[in-house]
Amino acid sequence: HITHSLNQMFALCVCVCVSIRKSWRSRERMKKLDSTKSLLIKSEQLLRIEDHDFAMRPGFGGSAIPVGIDVQVESIDSISEVNMDFTMTLYLRHYWQDDRLAFPSSSNKSRTFDARLVKKIWVPDVFFVHSKRSFIHDTTMENIMLRVYPDGNILYSVRITVTALCSMDFSSFPLDTQNCSLELESYAYNENDLMLYWKNGNDSLRTDEIVLSQFFIEDFQPSFGLAFYSSTGWYNRLYINFILRRHIFFFMLQTYFPTMLMVMLSWVSFWIDRRAVPARVSLGITTVLTMSTIITGVSASMPQVSYVKAVDIYLWTSFLFVFLSVIEYAAVNYFTTVEEMKKLKRAKIPNSFNTTQAMVFDGCFHDNEIDLASLPEVSTTPNTERNTQSRNSTVSSPPEGTRLRRKHPLKQNLSFIMSNSYMIDSYSRVIFPLAYLLFNIIYWSLYA
C-alpha cells in the first residue's frame, strides 16, 4: 500500500514537471513572436532617431545637400486632349546622405524599413510642378521603402500616380506631335539648401515597355534647369520630357474616309437627270447633314481652342464641296427653267417668222453672212408693228458692209451655258473631282 502511494506521488510530480516545462516553452515562443517589436525599438535606438532633430535637413547651416533622383516609369495611363493633361505611374527614388543615421555594422549590410520609420526622419520634400492630382499607392501597405546604409547613405523609394498638365498644340491635329514634361522640384528648400540632380545622368530615367492606344512614344529624355520665384528665390528643377506622335489610322477610319465618301457621294447627283428634282435635292441635303454630323462629333471630342486645326480645314473644305454640289444643281435647275420659259415664248411667234429670222434678230448672224433684204416681211400684230417702228426710229438700218453689234464674250458664253444648262453637269463631273484631288494633294503634303 505504501509502495502504491509512492508511485502515485512520483507520477504526480512528473506531471507537474511536464506542465511547468510546457508553460516555459510557450513563454519562450511568445517572446520570439514579439521579437519584431523589440527589433524595431532596437533599430530606432541603433539609428539614434531620438537623439536628433529630424525636422532640420542634414548639414543645416552649411552647403546645400545634394539629392539624387532616379525615376522608372511604369505606365502612362491616359492622355486627355480635352483636359490637356496626362496620367503617369512611376517609381520615384531619392538618394542622399544623412550622417545622423549612420550606424556601426560588422557585416556592412543595409537595413530596410517601410513607411512607419519614414515619418520619423527627414526626407526631401519633392513635389510635381503643374500637378493636378497625385497619390501614393497604399495597397496593401503604403508603397514606400527606406534603405539605410551604415555610412549614412539613404535610398528612399515611393510609387506614385500623378496627373499633370501638358500644354498641347492642336494646330496640326490629328497629324500632330506633342511634347509633354513632368517637372520635379523641392517645395521648401531653394538651391542654397537642397540641390536636385539626376543621379545617373541620362540613364536616370528608365521605362518599361509602354503601349498607348492613340500615341507612339518617340523619345524619353531627362533634363534639368532652374526656376525662379520672386519671393523665395531660385530652385533646382528636374524635367521628364517625352515626345508623343499620334497614330493617324484611327482618325482615317473615323473621320477622313467617311468625309471622302460623303464628298464623292455628292458627285453622284451630276449623273442624275436634271429633271429629277426630288432625287437630286434629297441626295444633296443628305450629304450636307452627314457632313454636319461628322464636324459636330469631331468638335465635341476636342478642346475649345481659338485657332484652326488641320482636321477643321479638311472637314470644312469637304463641307464646302458638298455644299457647292447642291448649289450647282440649284443653278442647273434655274437655267433649265429659264430655257424652258424662252421656248414657251418662242412658241408664240408666227410660222412665217422662221428660225433663220430669229437668229438674225438675236445677233447670231452678221449682215455680210445673210441678205436681210431677201427675208420676207413678217406679218405682225399691232404690238409687233409698234416694236418694229420703235426699233426703226431709234436704230437706223446699217449701211452695206457693216456688221451687227457683237456681244461681249463673257456674256455670250453665259448665255450659251444658260441655253445649254445640261453642260453644267458635264463640266462638274470633271471639275469637282479634279479640284478635290488637288486639295488632298496640297493638304497631305503640308501636314503629313
Protein backbone atom coordinates (compact mmCIF):
# COMPACT_ATOMS: atom_id res chain seq x y z
CA HIS A 1 0.00 0.00 0.00
CA ILE A 2 2.86 2.35 0.85
CA THR A 3 4.58 1.48 -2.44
CA HIS A 4 1.42 2.25 -4.39
CA SER A 5 1.15 5.65 -2.70
CA LEU A 6 4.77 6.44 -3.55
CA ASN A 7 4.17 5.57 -7.18
CA GLN A 8 1.19 7.91 -7.34
CA MET A 9 3.18 10.77 -5.83
CA PHE A 10 6.02 10.17 -8.30
CA ALA A 11 3.57 10.25 -11.21
CA LEU A 12 2.07 13.48 -9.89
CA CYS A 13 5.50 15.08 -9.67
CA VAL A 14 6.26 14.03 -13.23
CA CYS A 15 3.01 15.62 -14.49
CA VAL A 16 3.78 18.85 -12.65
CA CYS A 17 7.25 18.99 -14.17
CA VAL A 18 5.91 18.39 -17.67
CA SER A 19 3.31 21.14 -17.30
CA ILE A 20 5.96 23.57 -15.99
CA ARG A 21 8.20 22.76 -18.94
CA LYS A 22 5.34 23.29 -21.44
CA SER A 23 4.45 26.66 -19.92
CA TRP A 24 8.10 27.72 -20.11
CA ARG A 25 8.30 26.74 -23.77
CA SER A 26 5.09 28.67 -24.55
CA ARG A 27 6.55 31.76 -22.93
CA GLU A 28 9.71 31.41 -24.98
CA ARG A 29 7.60 31.06 -28.13
CA MET A 30 5.65 34.25 -27.29
CA LYS A 31 8.89 36.11 -26.79
CA LYS A 32 10.08 35.00 -30.24
CA LEU A 33 6.81 36.09 -31.85
CA ASP A 34 7.16 39.53 -30.27
CA SER A 35 10.77 39.94 -31.35
CA THR A 36 9.79 42.24 -34.30
CA LYS A 37 8.63 44.87 -31.86
CA SER A 38 11.82 44.67 -29.89
CA LEU A 39 13.79 44.74 -33.17
CA LEU A 40 12.05 47.97 -34.22
CA ILE A 41 12.90 49.53 -30.90
CA LYS A 42 16.48 48.39 -31.29
CA SER A 43 16.60 49.80 -34.84
CA GLU A 44 15.43 53.20 -33.66
CA GLN A 45 18.00 53.08 -30.91
CA LEU A 46 20.64 51.96 -33.40
CA LEU A 47 19.84 54.86 -35.74
CA ARG A 48 19.67 57.27 -32.79
CA ILE A 49 16.41 58.75 -34.01
CA GLU A 50 15.53 60.18 -30.61
CA ASP A 51 18.90 61.88 -30.30
CA HIS A 52 18.49 64.23 -33.28
CA ASP A 53 16.04 66.82 -34.58
CA PHE A 54 14.98 65.42 -37.91
CA ALA A 55 12.83 68.47 -38.64
CA MET A 56 16.07 70.07 -39.85
CA ARG A 57 17.79 68.99 -43.05
CA PRO A 58 21.19 67.24 -42.88
CA GLY A 59 24.06 69.69 -42.59
CA PHE A 60 21.80 72.60 -41.73
CA GLY A 61 23.63 75.90 -41.94
CA GLY A 62 26.25 74.54 -44.33
CA SER A 63 26.28 73.97 -48.07
CA ALA A 64 23.30 72.61 -49.95
CA ILE A 65 22.65 68.90 -49.54
CA PRO A 66 22.78 67.02 -52.86
CA VAL A 67 19.77 64.77 -53.53
CA GLY A 68 19.99 62.42 -56.49
CA ILE A 69 16.82 61.42 -58.33
CA ASP A 70 16.16 58.20 -60.21
CA VAL A 71 12.82 57.55 -61.98
CA GLN A 72 11.38 54.41 -63.51
CA VAL A 73 8.17 54.99 -65.46
CA GLU A 74 5.81 52.08 -65.04
CA SER A 75 2.99 53.25 -67.33
CA ILE A 76 1.32 56.22 -68.98
CA ASP A 77 -2.27 55.56 -68.04
CA SER A 78 -4.11 58.18 -70.08
CA ILE A 79 -3.65 61.28 -72.22
CA SER A 80 -6.61 63.65 -72.44
CA GLU A 81 -6.85 66.22 -75.22
CA VAL A 82 -9.96 67.78 -73.71
CA ASN A 83 -8.36 68.39 -70.30
CA MET A 84 -4.85 68.83 -71.72
CA ASP A 85 -3.23 66.52 -69.17
CA PHE A 86 -1.67 63.08 -68.82
CA THR A 87 -1.60 60.47 -66.05
CA MET A 88 1.61 58.58 -65.27
CA THR A 89 2.57 55.91 -62.73
CA LEU A 90 6.23 55.86 -61.72
CA TYR A 91 8.78 54.80 -59.13
CA LEU A 92 10.46 57.88 -57.67
CA ARG A 93 13.76 57.18 -55.90
CA HIS A 94 15.80 59.64 -53.82
CA TYR A 95 19.46 59.30 -52.83
CA TRP A 96 21.16 61.41 -50.18
CA GLN A 97 23.43 61.09 -47.14
CA ASP A 98 22.45 61.81 -43.55
CA ASP A 99 25.29 61.24 -41.08
CA ARG A 100 22.80 61.27 -38.23
CA LEU A 101 21.52 57.84 -39.37
CA ALA A 102 24.95 56.20 -39.68
CA PHE A 103 25.33 53.09 -37.52
CA PRO A 104 28.12 50.59 -36.78
CA SER A 105 27.88 47.29 -38.64
CA SER A 106 30.39 44.44 -38.80
CA SER A 107 28.81 42.97 -41.93
CA ASN A 108 28.37 46.38 -43.66
CA LYS A 109 24.82 45.45 -44.59
CA SER A 110 21.99 47.92 -45.06
CA ARG A 111 18.72 47.96 -43.18
CA THR A 112 15.37 48.27 -44.96
CA PHE A 113 12.25 49.84 -43.46
CA ASP A 114 8.73 50.74 -44.57
CA ALA A 115 6.59 53.86 -44.22
CA ARG A 116 6.41 53.67 -40.42
CA LEU A 117 10.01 54.76 -39.96
CA VAL A 118 9.91 57.30 -42.80
CA LYS A 119 7.60 59.53 -40.75
CA LYS A 120 10.26 59.85 -38.03
CA ILE A 121 13.21 61.04 -40.13
CA TRP A 122 13.96 63.83 -42.63
CA VAL A 123 13.16 63.14 -46.30
CA PRO A 124 13.29 65.52 -49.30
CA ASP A 125 10.04 67.40 -49.97
CA VAL A 126 9.97 66.81 -53.73
CA PHE A 127 6.68 67.69 -55.45
CA PHE A 128 5.38 67.69 -59.03
CA VAL A 129 5.05 71.09 -60.66
CA HIS A 130 1.77 71.67 -62.57
CA SER A 131 0.31 68.58 -60.94
CA LYS A 132 -3.49 68.33 -60.86
CA ARG A 133 -3.83 65.13 -58.82
CA SER A 134 -1.37 62.66 -57.32
CA PHE A 135 -1.34 59.92 -54.72
CA ILE A 136 0.93 57.27 -53.21
CA HIS A 137 -0.28 53.72 -53.69
CA ASP A 138 -1.31 52.14 -50.40
CA THR A 139 -2.36 48.57 -51.29
CA THR A 140 -1.83 46.53 -49.27
CA MET A 141 0.50 48.88 -47.40
CA GLU A 142 1.90 52.23 -48.45
CA ASN A 143 4.31 51.63 -51.32
CA ILE A 144 7.26 53.29 -49.57
CA MET A 145 10.70 51.87 -48.97
CA LEU A 146 13.56 53.27 -46.90
CA ARG A 147 17.00 51.68 -47.04
CA VAL A 148 19.73 52.94 -44.71
CA TYR A 149 23.40 52.04 -45.17
CA PRO A 150 25.99 52.02 -42.35
CA ASP A 151 27.76 55.10 -43.72
CA GLY A 152 24.54 57.14 -43.62
CA ASN A 153 23.63 56.88 -47.32
CA ILE A 154 19.88 56.57 -47.81
CA LEU A 155 17.66 55.25 -50.58
CA TYR A 156 14.05 56.42 -50.38
CA SER A 157 11.66 54.95 -52.98
CA VAL A 158 7.95 55.65 -53.45
CA ARG A 159 5.39 54.53 -56.05
CA ILE A 160 3.24 57.43 -57.24
CA THR A 161 0.48 58.06 -59.77
CA VAL A 162 0.38 61.69 -60.90
CA THR A 163 -1.86 63.65 -63.28
CA ALA A 164 -0.05 66.70 -64.64
CA LEU A 165 -0.72 69.47 -67.10
CA CYS A 166 0.53 69.21 -70.68
CA SER A 167 0.18 72.30 -72.88
CA MET A 168 -0.73 70.78 -76.24
CA ASP A 169 -0.73 72.43 -79.65
CA PHE A 170 -3.55 71.16 -81.88
CA SER A 171 -2.83 73.24 -84.97
CA SER A 172 -1.79 70.04 -86.80
CA PHE A 173 -4.31 67.70 -85.14
CA PRO A 174 -4.62 64.76 -85.81
CA LEU A 175 -1.29 64.78 -87.63
CA ASP A 176 0.43 66.29 -84.61
CA THR A 177 3.32 65.53 -82.27
CA GLN A 178 3.03 66.56 -78.62
CA ASN A 179 5.89 67.35 -76.25
CA CYS A 180 4.92 66.87 -72.59
CA SER A 181 7.02 67.02 -69.44
CA LEU A 182 6.76 66.07 -65.78
CA GLU A 183 8.64 68.53 -63.55
CA LEU A 184 10.09 67.78 -60.09
CA GLU A 185 11.14 70.41 -57.59
CA SER A 186 11.65 70.92 -53.86
CA TYR A 187 8.85 72.90 -52.30
CA ALA A 188 10.56 74.39 -49.23
CA TYR A 189 14.30 74.26 -49.93
CA ASN A 190 15.82 76.52 -52.57
CA GLU A 191 19.17 75.97 -54.26
CA ASN A 192 21.05 77.19 -51.16
CA ASP A 193 19.66 74.32 -49.06
CA LEU A 194 18.96 71.46 -51.47
CA MET A 195 20.43 70.58 -54.85
CA LEU A 196 18.40 68.19 -57.01
CA TYR A 197 20.23 66.33 -59.77
CA TRP A 198 19.82 63.23 -61.93
CA LYS A 199 21.81 60.54 -60.18
CA ASN A 200 22.97 58.66 -63.30
CA GLY A 201 22.65 61.35 -65.94
CA ASN A 202 20.58 60.31 -68.93
CA ASP A 203 20.40 56.77 -67.55
CA SER A 204 18.46 58.03 -64.54
CA LEU A 205 15.21 57.72 -66.48
CA ARG A 206 14.11 54.18 -67.28
CA THR A 207 10.85 52.94 -68.73
CA ASP A 208 9.06 49.67 -69.06
CA GLU A 209 7.50 48.68 -72.38
CA ILE A 210 4.70 51.21 -72.77
CA VAL A 211 1.96 50.80 -75.39
CA LEU A 212 -0.60 53.57 -75.92
CA SER A 213 -3.79 53.37 -77.95
CA GLN A 214 -3.54 56.70 -79.79
CA PHE A 215 0.12 57.66 -79.44
CA PHE A 216 3.55 56.33 -80.24
CA ILE A 217 6.28 57.32 -77.79
CA GLU A 218 9.19 58.64 -79.80
CA ASP A 219 11.54 59.68 -77.02
CA PHE A 220 12.01 59.80 -73.23
CA GLN A 221 14.67 62.23 -72.06
CA PRO A 222 15.61 63.79 -68.69
CA SER A 223 16.79 67.37 -68.33
CA PHE A 224 17.30 69.94 -65.60
CA GLY A 225 17.07 73.66 -65.04
CA LEU A 226 16.35 76.43 -62.56
CA ALA A 227 13.03 78.01 -61.59
CA PHE A 228 12.77 81.48 -60.08
CA TYR A 229 10.12 82.68 -57.65
CA SER A 230 10.12 86.35 -56.77
CA SER A 231 9.52 85.83 -53.07
CA THR A 232 11.60 82.72 -52.31
CA GLY A 233 14.46 82.61 -54.85
CA TRP A 234 15.89 80.02 -57.24
CA TYR A 235 15.03 76.32 -57.11
CA ASN A 236 16.52 73.30 -58.87
CA ARG A 237 14.04 71.68 -61.21
CA LEU A 238 14.21 68.31 -62.99
CA TYR A 239 12.27 67.51 -66.16
CA ILE A 240 11.00 64.23 -67.58
CA ASN A 241 10.42 65.06 -71.25
CA PHE A 242 8.64 62.67 -73.60
CA ILE A 243 7.53 63.15 -77.19
CA LEU A 244 4.26 61.61 -78.37
CA ARG A 245 3.33 61.11 -82.01
CA ARG A 246 -0.33 60.43 -82.72
CA HIS A 247 -1.48 57.36 -84.62
CA ILE A 248 -3.38 58.54 -87.71
CA PHE A 249 -5.11 55.28 -88.63
CA PHE A 250 -7.91 55.72 -86.07
CA PHE A 251 -8.79 59.14 -87.48
CA MET A 252 -8.53 57.87 -91.03
CA LEU A 253 -11.26 55.33 -90.24
CA GLN A 254 -13.42 57.62 -88.12
CA THR A 255 -13.08 60.98 -89.87
CA TYR A 256 -11.18 61.15 -93.15
CA PHE A 257 -12.59 58.13 -95.01
CA PRO A 258 -16.26 58.94 -94.18
CA THR A 259 -15.67 62.54 -95.22
CA MET A 260 -14.16 61.48 -98.56
CA LEU A 261 -17.07 59.13 -99.19
CA MET A 262 -19.62 61.86 -98.46
CA VAL A 263 -17.92 64.23 -100.90
CA MET A 264 -17.82 61.57 -103.61
CA LEU A 265 -21.44 60.66 -102.89
CA SER A 266 -22.44 64.26 -103.54
CA TRP A 267 -20.96 63.92 -107.04
CA VAL A 268 -23.47 61.20 -107.91
CA SER A 269 -26.08 63.90 -108.44
CA PHE A 270 -24.15 65.08 -111.52
CA TRP A 271 -25.14 61.83 -113.27
CA ILE A 272 -28.80 62.02 -112.26
CA ASP A 273 -31.18 63.63 -114.75
CA ARG A 274 -31.60 67.33 -114.11
CA ARG A 275 -35.40 67.00 -114.17
CA ALA A 276 -35.34 64.51 -111.26
CA VAL A 277 -35.69 67.23 -108.65
CA PRO A 278 -36.63 65.05 -105.61
CA ALA A 279 -33.72 62.63 -106.19
CA ARG A 280 -31.04 65.30 -106.55
CA VAL A 281 -32.30 67.53 -103.75
CA SER A 282 -32.63 64.68 -101.26
CA LEU A 283 -29.14 63.41 -102.12
CA GLY A 284 -27.64 66.86 -101.65
CA ILE A 285 -29.38 67.52 -98.33
CA THR A 286 -28.40 64.06 -97.01
CA THR A 287 -24.71 64.63 -97.70
CA VAL A 288 -24.82 68.11 -96.16
CA LEU A 289 -26.45 66.82 -92.96
CA THR A 290 -24.00 63.91 -92.73
CA MET A 291 -21.05 66.28 -93.03
CA SER A 292 -22.54 68.46 -90.30
CA THR A 293 -22.80 65.40 -88.02
CA ILE A 294 -19.15 64.47 -88.63
CA ILE A 295 -17.97 68.01 -87.89
CA THR A 296 -20.04 68.15 -84.70
CA GLY A 297 -18.68 64.79 -83.48
CA VAL A 298 -15.07 65.80 -84.01
CA SER A 299 -15.57 69.18 -82.31
CA ALA A 300 -17.21 67.55 -79.26
CA SER A 301 -14.13 65.40 -78.59
CA MET A 302 -11.69 68.30 -78.80
CA PRO A 303 -10.94 71.26 -76.53
CA GLN A 304 -12.44 74.60 -77.50
CA VAL A 305 -9.29 76.21 -78.86
CA SER A 306 -9.25 79.60 -80.56
CA TYR A 307 -7.21 78.56 -83.60
CA VAL A 308 -7.94 76.39 -86.64
CA LYS A 309 -6.87 72.75 -86.54
CA ALA A 310 -5.78 70.68 -89.51
CA VAL A 311 -8.86 68.47 -89.24
CA ASP A 312 -11.05 71.58 -89.30
CA ILE A 313 -9.51 72.67 -92.59
CA TYR A 314 -10.18 69.26 -94.13
CA LEU A 315 -13.73 68.94 -92.81
CA TRP A 316 -14.86 72.44 -93.71
CA THR A 317 -13.30 72.29 -97.18
CA SER A 318 -15.07 68.97 -97.76
CA PHE A 319 -18.27 70.51 -96.46
CA LEU A 320 -17.79 73.34 -98.97
CA PHE A 321 -17.51 70.82 -101.82
CA VAL A 322 -20.73 69.13 -100.72
CA PHE A 323 -22.46 72.48 -100.39
CA LEU A 324 -21.29 73.58 -103.84
CA SER A 325 -22.74 70.40 -105.35
CA VAL A 326 -26.15 71.47 -104.01
CA ILE A 327 -25.65 74.99 -105.33
CA GLU A 328 -24.65 73.50 -108.69
CA TYR A 329 -27.97 71.76 -109.02
CA ALA A 330 -29.78 74.94 -108.00
CA ALA A 331 -28.04 76.73 -110.89
CA VAL A 332 -28.85 73.88 -113.30
CA ASN A 333 -32.48 73.90 -112.27
CA TYR A 334 -32.72 77.69 -112.61
CA PHE A 335 -31.11 77.80 -116.06
CA THR A 336 -33.30 74.90 -117.20
CA THR A 337 -36.39 76.80 -116.08
CA VAL A 338 -35.24 79.95 -117.92
CA GLU A 339 -34.55 77.92 -121.05
CA GLU A 340 -37.99 76.35 -120.95
CA MET A 341 -39.63 79.75 -120.47
CA LYS A 342 -37.81 81.04 -123.55
CA LYS A 343 -39.03 78.08 -125.54
CA LEU A 344 -42.57 78.81 -124.47
CA LYS A 345 -42.22 82.43 -125.61
CA ARG A 346 -40.73 81.40 -128.94
CA ALA A 347 -43.59 79.02 -129.47
CA LYS A 348 -45.93 82.06 -129.72
CA ILE A 349 -44.04 83.58 -132.76
CA PRO A 350 -45.98 83.19 -136.10
CA ASN A 351 -44.96 80.43 -138.51
CA SER A 352 -43.81 82.91 -141.15
CA PHE A 353 -41.08 84.07 -138.71
CA ASN A 354 -38.77 81.12 -139.18
CA THR A 355 -35.68 80.09 -137.25
CA THR A 356 -33.26 81.91 -139.53
CA GLN A 357 -35.04 85.20 -138.95
CA ALA A 358 -34.96 84.65 -135.18
CA MET A 359 -31.24 84.02 -135.31
CA VAL A 360 -30.67 87.18 -137.31
CA PHE A 361 -32.50 89.39 -134.87
CA ASP A 362 -30.85 87.64 -131.96
CA GLY A 363 -27.47 88.70 -133.38
CA CYS A 364 -26.13 85.22 -134.10
CA PHE A 365 -25.53 86.01 -137.82
CA HIS A 366 -23.77 89.03 -139.29
CA ASP A 367 -25.09 91.24 -142.07
CA ASN A 368 -22.47 90.00 -144.54
CA GLU A 369 -23.44 86.41 -143.94
CA ILE A 370 -27.11 86.73 -144.89
CA ASP A 371 -29.08 89.05 -147.05
CA LEU A 372 -31.54 90.92 -144.87
CA ALA A 373 -33.49 92.21 -147.91
CA SER A 374 -34.30 88.69 -149.02
CA LEU A 375 -36.19 88.00 -145.81
CA PRO A 376 -39.97 88.18 -146.24
CA GLU A 377 -41.92 90.65 -144.28
CA VAL A 378 -43.27 89.42 -141.07
CA SER A 379 -47.00 89.63 -140.60
CA THR A 380 -47.05 91.17 -137.22
CA THR A 381 -49.64 92.07 -134.74
CA PRO A 382 -50.10 95.70 -133.70
CA ASN A 383 -47.70 95.10 -130.82
CA THR A 384 -45.11 93.76 -133.23
CA GLU A 385 -45.54 96.71 -135.53
CA ARG A 386 -45.14 99.09 -132.60
CA ASN A 387 -41.93 97.37 -131.61
CA THR A 388 -40.67 97.46 -135.19
CA GLN A 389 -41.39 101.14 -135.54
CA SER A 390 -39.71 101.97 -132.29
CA ARG A 391 -36.67 99.93 -133.34
CA ASN A 392 -36.52 101.71 -136.71
CA SER A 393 -36.90 105.09 -135.04
CA THR A 394 -34.01 104.52 -132.67
CA VAL A 395 -31.65 102.50 -134.83
CA SER A 396 -31.08 103.30 -138.47
CA SER A 397 -30.51 100.46 -140.86
CA PRO A 398 -26.84 99.68 -141.09
CA PRO A 399 -25.16 100.59 -144.35
CA GLU A 400 -23.87 97.94 -146.63
CA GLY A 401 -20.75 96.20 -145.46
CA THR A 402 -21.25 96.90 -141.76
CA ARG A 403 -21.79 94.26 -139.05
CA LEU A 404 -24.40 93.91 -136.36
CA ARG A 405 -23.31 94.73 -132.79
CA ARG A 406 -21.23 91.96 -131.21
CA LYS A 407 -21.93 90.63 -127.75
CA HIS A 408 -19.29 90.52 -125.03
CA PRO A 409 -17.57 87.10 -125.00
CA LEU A 410 -18.35 86.53 -121.27
CA LYS A 411 -22.00 87.37 -121.75
CA GLN A 412 -22.07 85.28 -124.88
CA ASN A 413 -20.63 82.28 -123.01
CA LEU A 414 -23.02 82.82 -120.14
CA SER A 415 -25.99 82.96 -122.46
CA PHE A 416 -24.69 79.85 -124.20
CA ILE A 417 -24.47 77.98 -120.89
CA MET A 418 -27.93 79.21 -119.90
CA SER A 419 -29.37 77.94 -123.14
CA ASN A 420 -27.48 74.62 -122.64
CA SER A 421 -27.80 74.02 -118.89
CA TYR A 422 -27.10 70.32 -119.25
CA MET A 423 -23.45 71.19 -119.91
CA ILE A 424 -23.04 72.42 -116.33
CA ASP A 425 -23.38 68.83 -115.12
CA SER A 426 -20.89 67.69 -117.74
CA TYR A 427 -18.30 70.21 -116.60
CA SER A 428 -18.97 69.49 -112.91
CA ARG A 429 -18.24 65.78 -113.41
CA VAL A 430 -14.66 66.75 -114.23
CA ILE A 431 -14.05 69.97 -112.31
CA PHE A 432 -15.24 68.77 -108.87
CA PRO A 433 -13.12 65.57 -108.71
CA LEU A 434 -10.02 67.32 -110.03
CA ALA A 435 -10.38 70.21 -107.57
CA TYR A 436 -10.89 67.83 -104.63
CA LEU A 437 -7.91 65.72 -105.70
CA LEU A 438 -5.74 68.86 -105.89
CA PHE A 439 -6.89 69.87 -102.40
CA ASN A 440 -5.97 66.46 -100.99
CA ILE A 441 -2.52 66.57 -102.56
CA ILE A 442 -1.83 70.00 -101.05
CA TYR A 443 -3.30 69.06 -97.65
CA TRP A 444 -1.40 65.81 -97.14
CA SER A 445 1.85 67.25 -98.47
CA LEU A 446 1.64 70.09 -95.91
CA TYR A 447 0.58 68.16 -92.80
CA ALA A 448 1.76 64.58 -93.35
